[in-house]
PDB file of N, CA and C in Angstrom:
ATOM      1  N   MET A   1      -7.028   6.951  -9.668  1.00  0.00           N
ATOM      2  CA  MET A   1      -6.868   5.526  -9.473  1.00  0.00           C
ATOM      3  C   MET A   1      -7.745   5.098  -8.302  1.00  0.00           C
ATOM      4  N   ASP A   2      -8.276   3.913  -8.397  1.00  0.00           N
ATOM      5  CA  ASP A   2      -9.066   3.339  -7.319  1.00  0.00           C
ATOM      6  C   ASP A   2      -8.208   2.303  -6.603  1.00  0.00           C
ATOM      7  N   ALA A   3      -7.680   2.673  -5.442  1.00  0.00           N
ATOM      8  CA  ALA A   3      -6.782   1.788  -4.697  1.00  0.00           C
ATOM      9  C   ALA A   3      -7.419   0.443  -4.402  1.00  0.00           C
ATOM     10  N   THR A   4      -8.728   0.412  -4.262  1.00  0.00           N
ATOM     11  CA  THR A   4      -9.387  -0.844  -3.910  1.00  0.00           C
ATOM     12  C   THR A   4      -9.261  -1.894  -5.012  1.00  0.00           C
ATOM     13  N   SER A   5      -8.944  -1.479  -6.223  1.00  0.00           N
ATOM     14  CA  SER A   5      -8.783  -2.460  -7.295  1.00  0.00           C
ATOM     15  C   SER A   5      -7.460  -3.210  -7.194  1.00  0.00           C
ATOM     16  N   LEU A   6      -6.520  -2.718  -6.408  1.00  0.00           N
ATOM     17  CA  LEU A   6      -5.212  -3.363  -6.253  1.00  0.00           C
ATOM     18  C   LEU A   6      -4.948  -3.866  -4.840  1.00  0.00           C
ATOM     19  N   ILE A   7      -5.818  -3.543  -3.904  1.00  0.00           N
ATOM     20  CA  ILE A   7      -5.581  -3.854  -2.487  1.00  0.00           C
ATOM     21  C   ILE A   7      -6.765  -4.618  -1.932  1.00  0.00           C
ATOM     22  N   ASP A   8      -6.460  -5.649  -1.140  1.00  0.00           N
ATOM     23  CA  ASP A   8      -7.531  -6.332  -0.418  1.00  0.00           C
ATOM     24  C   ASP A   8      -7.025  -6.811   0.928  1.00  0.00           C
ATOM     25  N   THR A   9      -7.944  -7.243   1.744  1.00  0.00           N
ATOM     26  CA  THR A   9      -7.629  -7.764   3.079  1.00  0.00           C
ATOM     27  C   THR A   9      -8.163  -9.183   3.144  1.00  0.00           C
ATOM     28  N   ARG A  10      -7.278 -10.115   3.530  1.00  0.00           N
ATOM     29  CA  ARG A  10      -7.675 -11.515   3.610  1.00  0.00           C
ATOM     30  C   ARG A  10      -7.321 -12.058   4.981  1.00  0.00           C
ATOM     31  N   ALA A  11      -8.296 -12.678   5.596  1.00  0.00           N
ATOM     32  CA  ALA A  11      -8.046 -13.311   6.895  1.00  0.00           C
ATOM     33  C   ALA A  11      -6.949 -14.357   6.717  1.00  0.00           C
ATOM     34  N   GLY A  12      -6.023 -14.385   7.627  1.00  0.00           N
ATOM     35  CA  GLY A  12      -4.955 -15.369   7.582  1.00  0.00           C
ATOM     36  C   GLY A  12      -3.768 -14.986   6.718  1.00  0.00           C
ATOM     37  N   VAL A  13      -3.834 -13.865   6.034  1.00  0.00           N
ATOM     38  CA  VAL A  13      -2.698 -13.400   5.233  1.00  0.00           C
ATOM     39  C   VAL A  13      -2.179 -12.127   5.873  1.00  0.00           C
ATOM     40  N   ARG A  14      -0.956 -12.220   6.396  1.00  0.00           N
ATOM     41  CA  ARG A  14      -0.303 -11.091   7.057  1.00  0.00           C
ATOM     42  C   ARG A  14      -1.204 -10.479   8.139  1.00  0.00           C
ATOM     43  N   ASN A  15      -1.830 -11.356   8.908  1.00  0.00           N
ATOM     44  CA  ASN A  15      -2.695 -10.950  10.033  1.00  0.00           C
ATOM     45  C   ASN A  15      -3.831 -10.027   9.607  1.00  0.00           C
ATOM     46  N   GLY A  16      -4.317 -10.208   8.385  1.00  0.00           N
ATOM     47  CA  GLY A  16      -5.453  -9.420   7.921  1.00  0.00           C
ATOM     48  C   GLY A  16      -5.126  -7.994   7.525  1.00  0.00           C
ATOM     49  N   LYS A  17      -3.849  -7.682   7.397  1.00  0.00           N
ATOM     50  CA  LYS A  17      -3.462  -6.325   6.966  1.00  0.00           C
ATOM     51  C   LYS A  17      -3.738  -6.168   5.474  1.00  0.00           C
ATOM     52  N   PRO A  18      -4.035  -4.953   5.031  1.00  0.00           N
ATOM     53  CA  PRO A  18      -4.267  -4.724   3.606  1.00  0.00           C
ATOM     54  C   PRO A  18      -3.013  -5.073   2.791  1.00  0.00           C
ATOM     55  N   CYS A  19      -3.200  -5.945   1.799  1.00  0.00           N
ATOM     56  CA  CYS A  19      -2.107  -6.392   0.930  1.00  0.00           C
ATOM     57  C   CYS A  19      -2.474  -6.119  -0.516  1.00  0.00           C
ATOM     58  N   PHE A  20      -1.468  -6.104  -1.354  1.00  0.00           N
ATOM     59  CA  PHE A  20      -1.704  -5.992  -2.783  1.00  0.00           C
ATOM     60  C   PHE A  20      -2.197  -7.336  -3.280  1.00  0.00           C
ATOM     61  N   ILE A  21      -3.239  -7.300  -4.082  1.00  0.00           N
ATOM     62  CA  ILE A  21      -3.877  -8.512  -4.579  1.00  0.00           C
ATOM     63  C   ILE A  21      -2.852  -9.403  -5.275  1.00  0.00           C
ATOM     64  N   GLY A  22      -2.880 -10.687  -4.922  1.00  0.00           N
ATOM     65  CA  GLY A  22      -1.978 -11.660  -5.517  1.00  0.00           C
ATOM     66  C   GLY A  22      -0.606 -11.714  -4.881  1.00  0.00           C
ATOM     67  N   THR A  23      -0.396 -10.935  -3.816  1.00  0.00           N
ATOM     68  CA  THR A  23       0.898 -10.913  -3.125  1.00  0.00           C
ATOM     69  C   THR A  23       0.664 -10.992  -1.617  1.00  0.00           C
ATOM     70  N   ARG A  24       1.740 -11.096  -0.889  1.00  0.00           N
ATOM     71  CA  ARG A  24       1.698 -10.989   0.566  1.00  0.00           C
ATOM     72  C   ARG A  24       2.362  -9.682   1.009  1.00  0.00           C
ATOM     73  N   ILE A  25       2.526  -8.764   0.089  1.00  0.00           N
ATOM     74  CA  ILE A  25       3.156  -7.472   0.365  1.00  0.00           C
ATOM     75  C   ILE A  25       2.086  -6.524   0.880  1.00  0.00           C
ATOM     76  N   THR A  26       2.306  -5.989   2.088  1.00  0.00           N
ATOM     77  CA  THR A  26       1.305  -5.101   2.670  1.00  0.00           C
ATOM     78  C   THR A  26       1.501  -3.661   2.205  1.00  0.00           C
ATOM     79  N   VAL A  27       0.408  -2.931   2.244  1.00  0.00           N
ATOM     80  CA  VAL A  27       0.451  -1.501   1.966  1.00  0.00           C
ATOM     81  C   VAL A  27       1.413  -0.840   2.952  1.00  0.00           C
ATOM     82  N   TYR A  28       1.343  -1.273   4.207  1.00  0.00           N
ATOM     83  CA  TYR A  28       2.218  -0.734   5.252  1.00  0.00           C
ATOM     84  C   TYR A  28       3.691  -0.912   4.881  1.00  0.00           C
ATOM     85  N   ASP A  29       4.043  -2.084   4.324  1.00  0.00           N
ATOM     86  CA  ASP A  29       5.441  -2.318   3.916  1.00  0.00           C
ATOM     87  C   ASP A  29       5.901  -1.248   2.932  1.00  0.00           C
ATOM     88  N   VAL A  30       5.086  -1.000   1.920  1.00  0.00           N
ATOM     89  CA  VAL A  30       5.453  -0.019   0.891  1.00  0.00           C
ATOM     90  C   VAL A  30       5.530   1.378   1.493  1.00  0.00           C
ATOM     91  N   LEU A  31       4.568   1.728   2.330  1.00  0.00           N
ATOM     92  CA  LEU A  31       4.587   3.052   2.960  1.00  0.00           C
ATOM     93  C   LEU A  31       5.818   3.229   3.841  1.00  0.00           C
ATOM     94  N   GLU A  32       6.212   2.188   4.542  1.00  0.00           N
ATOM     95  CA  GLU A  32       7.422   2.257   5.374  1.00  0.00           C
ATOM     96  C   GLU A  32       8.663   2.490   4.513  1.00  0.00           C
ATOM     97  N   TYR A  33       8.757   1.783   3.402  1.00  0.00           N
ATOM     98  CA  TYR A  33       9.890   1.989   2.504  1.00  0.00           C
ATOM     99  C   TYR A  33       9.914   3.426   1.986  1.00  0.00           C
ATOM    100  N   LEU A  34       8.760   3.925   1.573  1.00  0.00           N
ATOM    101  CA  LEU A  34       8.697   5.304   1.087  1.00  0.00           C
ATOM    102  C   LEU A  34       9.096   6.289   2.181  1.00  0.00           C
ATOM    103  N   ALA A  35       8.607   6.070   3.389  1.00  0.00           N
ATOM    104  CA  ALA A  35       8.916   6.976   4.505  1.00  0.00           C
ATOM    105  C   ALA A  35      10.405   6.967   4.845  1.00  0.00           C
ATOM    106  N   SER A  36      11.072   5.845   4.586  1.00  0.00           N
ATOM    107  CA  SER A  36      12.498   5.767   4.895  1.00  0.00           C
ATOM    108  C   SER A  36      13.366   6.321   3.770  1.00  0.00           C
ATOM    109  N   GLY A  37      12.717   6.777   2.680  1.00  0.00           N
ATOM    110  CA  GLY A  37      13.473   7.393   1.595  1.00  0.00           C
ATOM    111  C   GLY A  37      13.768   6.474   0.421  1.00  0.00           C
ATOM    112  N   THR A  38      13.227   5.275   0.439  1.00  0.00           N
ATOM    113  CA  THR A  38      13.432   4.355  -0.673  1.00  0.00           C
ATOM    114  C   THR A  38      12.669   4.868  -1.895  1.00  0.00           C
ATOM    115  N   SER A  39      13.312   4.868  -3.043  1.00  0.00           N
ATOM    116  CA  SER A  39      12.667   5.373  -4.259  1.00  0.00           C
ATOM    117  C   SER A  39      11.661   4.356  -4.792  1.00  0.00           C
ATOM    118  N   HIS A  40      10.772   4.837  -5.631  1.00  0.00           N
ATOM    119  CA  HIS A  40       9.790   3.949  -6.257  1.00  0.00           C
ATOM    120  C   HIS A  40      10.509   2.851  -7.038  1.00  0.00           C
ATOM    121  N   GLN A  41      11.550   3.222  -7.770  1.00  0.00           N
ATOM    122  CA  GLN A  41      12.289   2.251  -8.575  1.00  0.00           C
ATOM    123  C   GLN A  41      12.968   1.195  -7.696  1.00  0.00           C
ATOM    124  N   GLU A  42      13.477   1.594  -6.546  1.00  0.00           N
ATOM    125  CA  GLU A  42      14.103   0.629  -5.645  1.00  0.00           C
ATOM    126  C   GLU A  42      13.071  -0.355  -5.099  1.00  0.00           C
ATOM    127  N   ILE A  43      11.895   0.138  -4.762  1.00  0.00           N
ATOM    128  CA  ILE A  43      10.837  -0.737  -4.253  1.00  0.00           C
ATOM    129  C   ILE A  43      10.431  -1.738  -5.331  1.00  0.00           C
ATOM    130  N   ILE A  44      10.231  -1.250  -6.545  1.00  0.00           N
ATOM    131  CA  ILE A  44       9.851  -2.131  -7.650  1.00  0.00           C
ATOM    132  C   ILE A  44      10.970  -3.128  -7.939  1.00  0.00           C
ATOM    133  N   GLY A  45      12.221  -2.709  -7.791  1.00  0.00           N
ATOM    134  CA  GLY A  45      13.357  -3.622  -7.964  1.00  0.00           C
ATOM    135  C   GLY A  45      13.379  -4.723  -6.923  1.00  0.00           C
ATOM    136  N   ASP A  46      13.033  -4.365  -5.683  1.00  0.00           N
ATOM    137  CA  ASP A  46      13.007  -5.349  -4.605  1.00  0.00           C
ATOM    138  C   ASP A  46      11.774  -6.254  -4.669  1.00  0.00           C
ATOM    139  N   PHE A  47      10.684  -5.721  -5.212  1.00  0.00           N
ATOM    140  CA  PHE A  47       9.423  -6.454  -5.302  1.00  0.00           C
ATOM    141  C   PHE A  47       8.935  -6.380  -6.754  1.00  0.00           C
ATOM    142  N   PRO A  48       9.478  -7.198  -7.640  1.00  0.00           N
ATOM    143  CA  PRO A  48       9.149  -7.074  -9.063  1.00  0.00           C
ATOM    144  C   PRO A  48       7.683  -7.319  -9.401  1.00  0.00           C
ATOM    145  N   GLU A  49       6.928  -7.887  -8.489  1.00  0.00           N
ATOM    146  CA  GLU A  49       5.497  -8.083  -8.740  1.00  0.00           C
ATOM    147  C   GLU A  49       4.713  -6.781  -8.577  1.00  0.00           C
ATOM    148  N   LEU A  50       5.362  -5.737  -8.049  1.00  0.00           N
ATOM    149  CA  LEU A  50       4.715  -4.440  -7.893  1.00  0.00           C
ATOM    150  C   LEU A  50       5.049  -3.533  -9.075  1.00  0.00           C
ATOM    151  N   THR A  51       4.146  -2.589  -9.313  1.00  0.00           N
ATOM    152  CA  THR A  51       4.336  -1.590 -10.366  1.00  0.00           C
ATOM    153  C   THR A  51       4.180  -0.206  -9.753  1.00  0.00           C
ATOM    154  N   GLU A  52       4.401   0.794 -10.561  1.00  0.00           N
ATOM    155  CA  GLU A  52       4.185   2.170 -10.113  1.00  0.00           C
ATOM    156  C   GLU A  52       2.733   2.361  -9.655  1.00  0.00           C
ATOM    157  N   GLN A  53       1.806   1.678 -10.305  1.00  0.00           N
ATOM    158  CA  GLN A  53       0.393   1.769  -9.904  1.00  0.00           C
ATOM    159  C   GLN A  53       0.180   1.263  -8.480  1.00  0.00           C
ATOM    160  N   HIS A  54       0.898   0.229  -8.080  1.00  0.00           N
ATOM    161  CA  HIS A  54       0.780  -0.283  -6.711  1.00  0.00           C
ATOM    162  C   HIS A  54       1.258   0.764  -5.702  1.00  0.00           C
ATOM    163  N   ILE A  55       2.352   1.420  -6.021  1.00  0.00           N
ATOM    164  CA  ILE A  55       2.877   2.440  -5.109  1.00  0.00           C
ATOM    165  C   ILE A  55       1.897   3.604  -5.012  1.00  0.00           C
ATOM    166  N   GLN A  56       1.353   4.021  -6.124  1.00  0.00           N
ATOM    167  CA  GLN A  56       0.354   5.089  -6.110  1.00  0.00           C
ATOM    168  C   GLN A  56      -0.888   4.652  -5.322  1.00  0.00           C
ATOM    169  N   ALA A  57      -1.271   3.390  -5.455  1.00  0.00           N
ATOM    170  CA  ALA A  57      -2.422   2.877  -4.709  1.00  0.00           C
ATOM    171  C   ALA A  57      -2.157   2.909  -3.211  1.00  0.00           C
ATOM    172  N   ALA A  58      -0.924   2.601  -2.805  1.00  0.00           N
ATOM    173  CA  ALA A  58      -0.565   2.660  -1.385  1.00  0.00           C
ATOM    174  C   ALA A  58      -0.705   4.085  -0.863  1.00  0.00           C
ATOM    175  N   LEU A  59      -0.239   5.049  -1.639  1.00  0.00           N
ATOM    176  CA  LEU A  59      -0.346   6.450  -1.228  1.00  0.00           C
ATOM    177  C   LEU A  59      -1.806   6.893  -1.166  1.00  0.00           C
ATOM    178  N   GLU A  60      -2.600   6.490  -2.140  1.00  0.00           N
ATOM    179  CA  GLU A  60      -4.022   6.828  -2.128  1.00  0.00           C
ATOM    180  C   GLU A  60      -4.721   6.191  -0.930  1.00  0.00           C
ATOM    181  N   PHE A  61      -4.394   4.936  -0.655  1.00  0.00           N
ATOM    182  CA  PHE A  61      -4.970   4.227   0.482  1.00  0.00           C
ATOM    183  C   PHE A  61      -4.687   4.976   1.779  1.00  0.00           C
ATOM    184  N   ALA A  62      -3.440   5.418   1.949  1.00  0.00           N
ATOM    185  CA  ALA A  62      -3.058   6.152   3.152  1.00  0.00           C
ATOM    186  C   ALA A  62      -3.782   7.490   3.235  1.00  0.00           C
ATOM    187  N   ALA A  63      -3.925   8.174   2.110  1.00  0.00           N
ATOM    188  CA  ALA A  63      -4.602   9.473   2.106  1.00  0.00           C
ATOM    189  C   ALA A  63      -6.073   9.318   2.477  1.00  0.00           C
ATOM    190  N   VAL A  64      -6.722   8.310   1.918  1.00  0.00           N
ATOM    191  CA  VAL A  64      -8.137   8.074   2.229  1.00  0.00           C
ATOM    192  C   VAL A  64      -8.298   7.723   3.701  1.00  0.00           C
ATOM    193  N   ARG A  65      -7.409   6.900   4.192  1.00  0.00           N
ATOM    194  CA  ARG A  65      -7.484   6.506   5.603  1.00  0.00           C
ATOM    195  C   ARG A  65      -7.276   7.712   6.517  1.00  0.00           C
ATOM    196  N   GLU A  66      -6.352   8.571   6.150  1.00  0.00           N
ATOM    197  CA  GLU A  66      -6.087   9.780   6.938  1.00  0.00           C
ATOM    198  C   GLU A  66      -7.310  10.682   6.967  1.00  0.00           C
ATOM    199  N   ARG A  67      -7.959  10.845   5.834  1.00  0.00           N
ATOM    200  CA  ARG A  67      -9.166  11.678   5.785  1.00  0.00           C
ATOM    201  C   ARG A  67     -10.239  11.153   6.727  1.00  0.00           C
ATOM    202  N   ARG A  68     -10.338   9.839   6.832  1.00  0.00           N
ATOM    203  CA  ARG A  68     -11.336   9.236   7.717  1.00  0.00           C
ATOM    204  C   ARG A  68     -11.015   9.477   9.184  1.00  0.00           C
ATOM    205  N   LEU A  69      -9.728   9.636   9.496  1.00  0.00           N
ATOM    206  CA  LEU A  69      -9.309   9.810  10.885  1.00  0.00           C
ATOM    207  C   LEU A  69      -9.455  11.248  11.374  1.00  0.00           C
ATOM    208  N   VAL A  70      -9.504  12.177  10.448  1.00  0.00           N
ATOM    209  CA  VAL A  70      -9.565  13.585  10.806  1.00  0.00           C
ATOM    210  C   VAL A  70     -10.947  13.876  11.425  1.00  0.00           C
ATOM    211  N   ALA A  71     -10.922  14.406  12.637  1.00  0.00           N
ATOM    212  CA  ALA A  71     -12.178  14.757  13.325  1.00  0.00           C
ATOM    213  C   ALA A  71     -12.662  16.122  12.838  1.00  0.00           C
ATOM    214  N   PRO A  72     -13.964  16.294  12.700  1.00  0.00           N
ATOM    215  CA  PRO A  72     -14.475  17.612  12.301  1.00  0.00           C
ATOM    216  C   PRO A  72     -14.083  18.684  13.320  1.00  0.00           C
ATOM    217  N   ALA A  73     -13.785  19.864  12.828  1.00  0.00           N
ATOM    218  CA  ALA A  73     -13.365  20.967  13.708  1.00  0.00           C
ATOM    219  C   ALA A  73     -14.536  21.577  14.421  1.00  0.00           C
TER     220      ALA A  73
END
């Protein structure tokens, strides 16, 4: 999956944080829910505009960002 197809950053929307296209839901919001133990189904229930693909995109986004932060050994 290409996370960039579901995520964008817009000035003036949630302080420029990466959000899912067409929503004001940030990637960070979804990652926080996942980290706290919320299931994918619970997140989708709370945010019906999201799908399993959005959750997977959030995880991919975080993984790509982490790879960029890792300093060469």
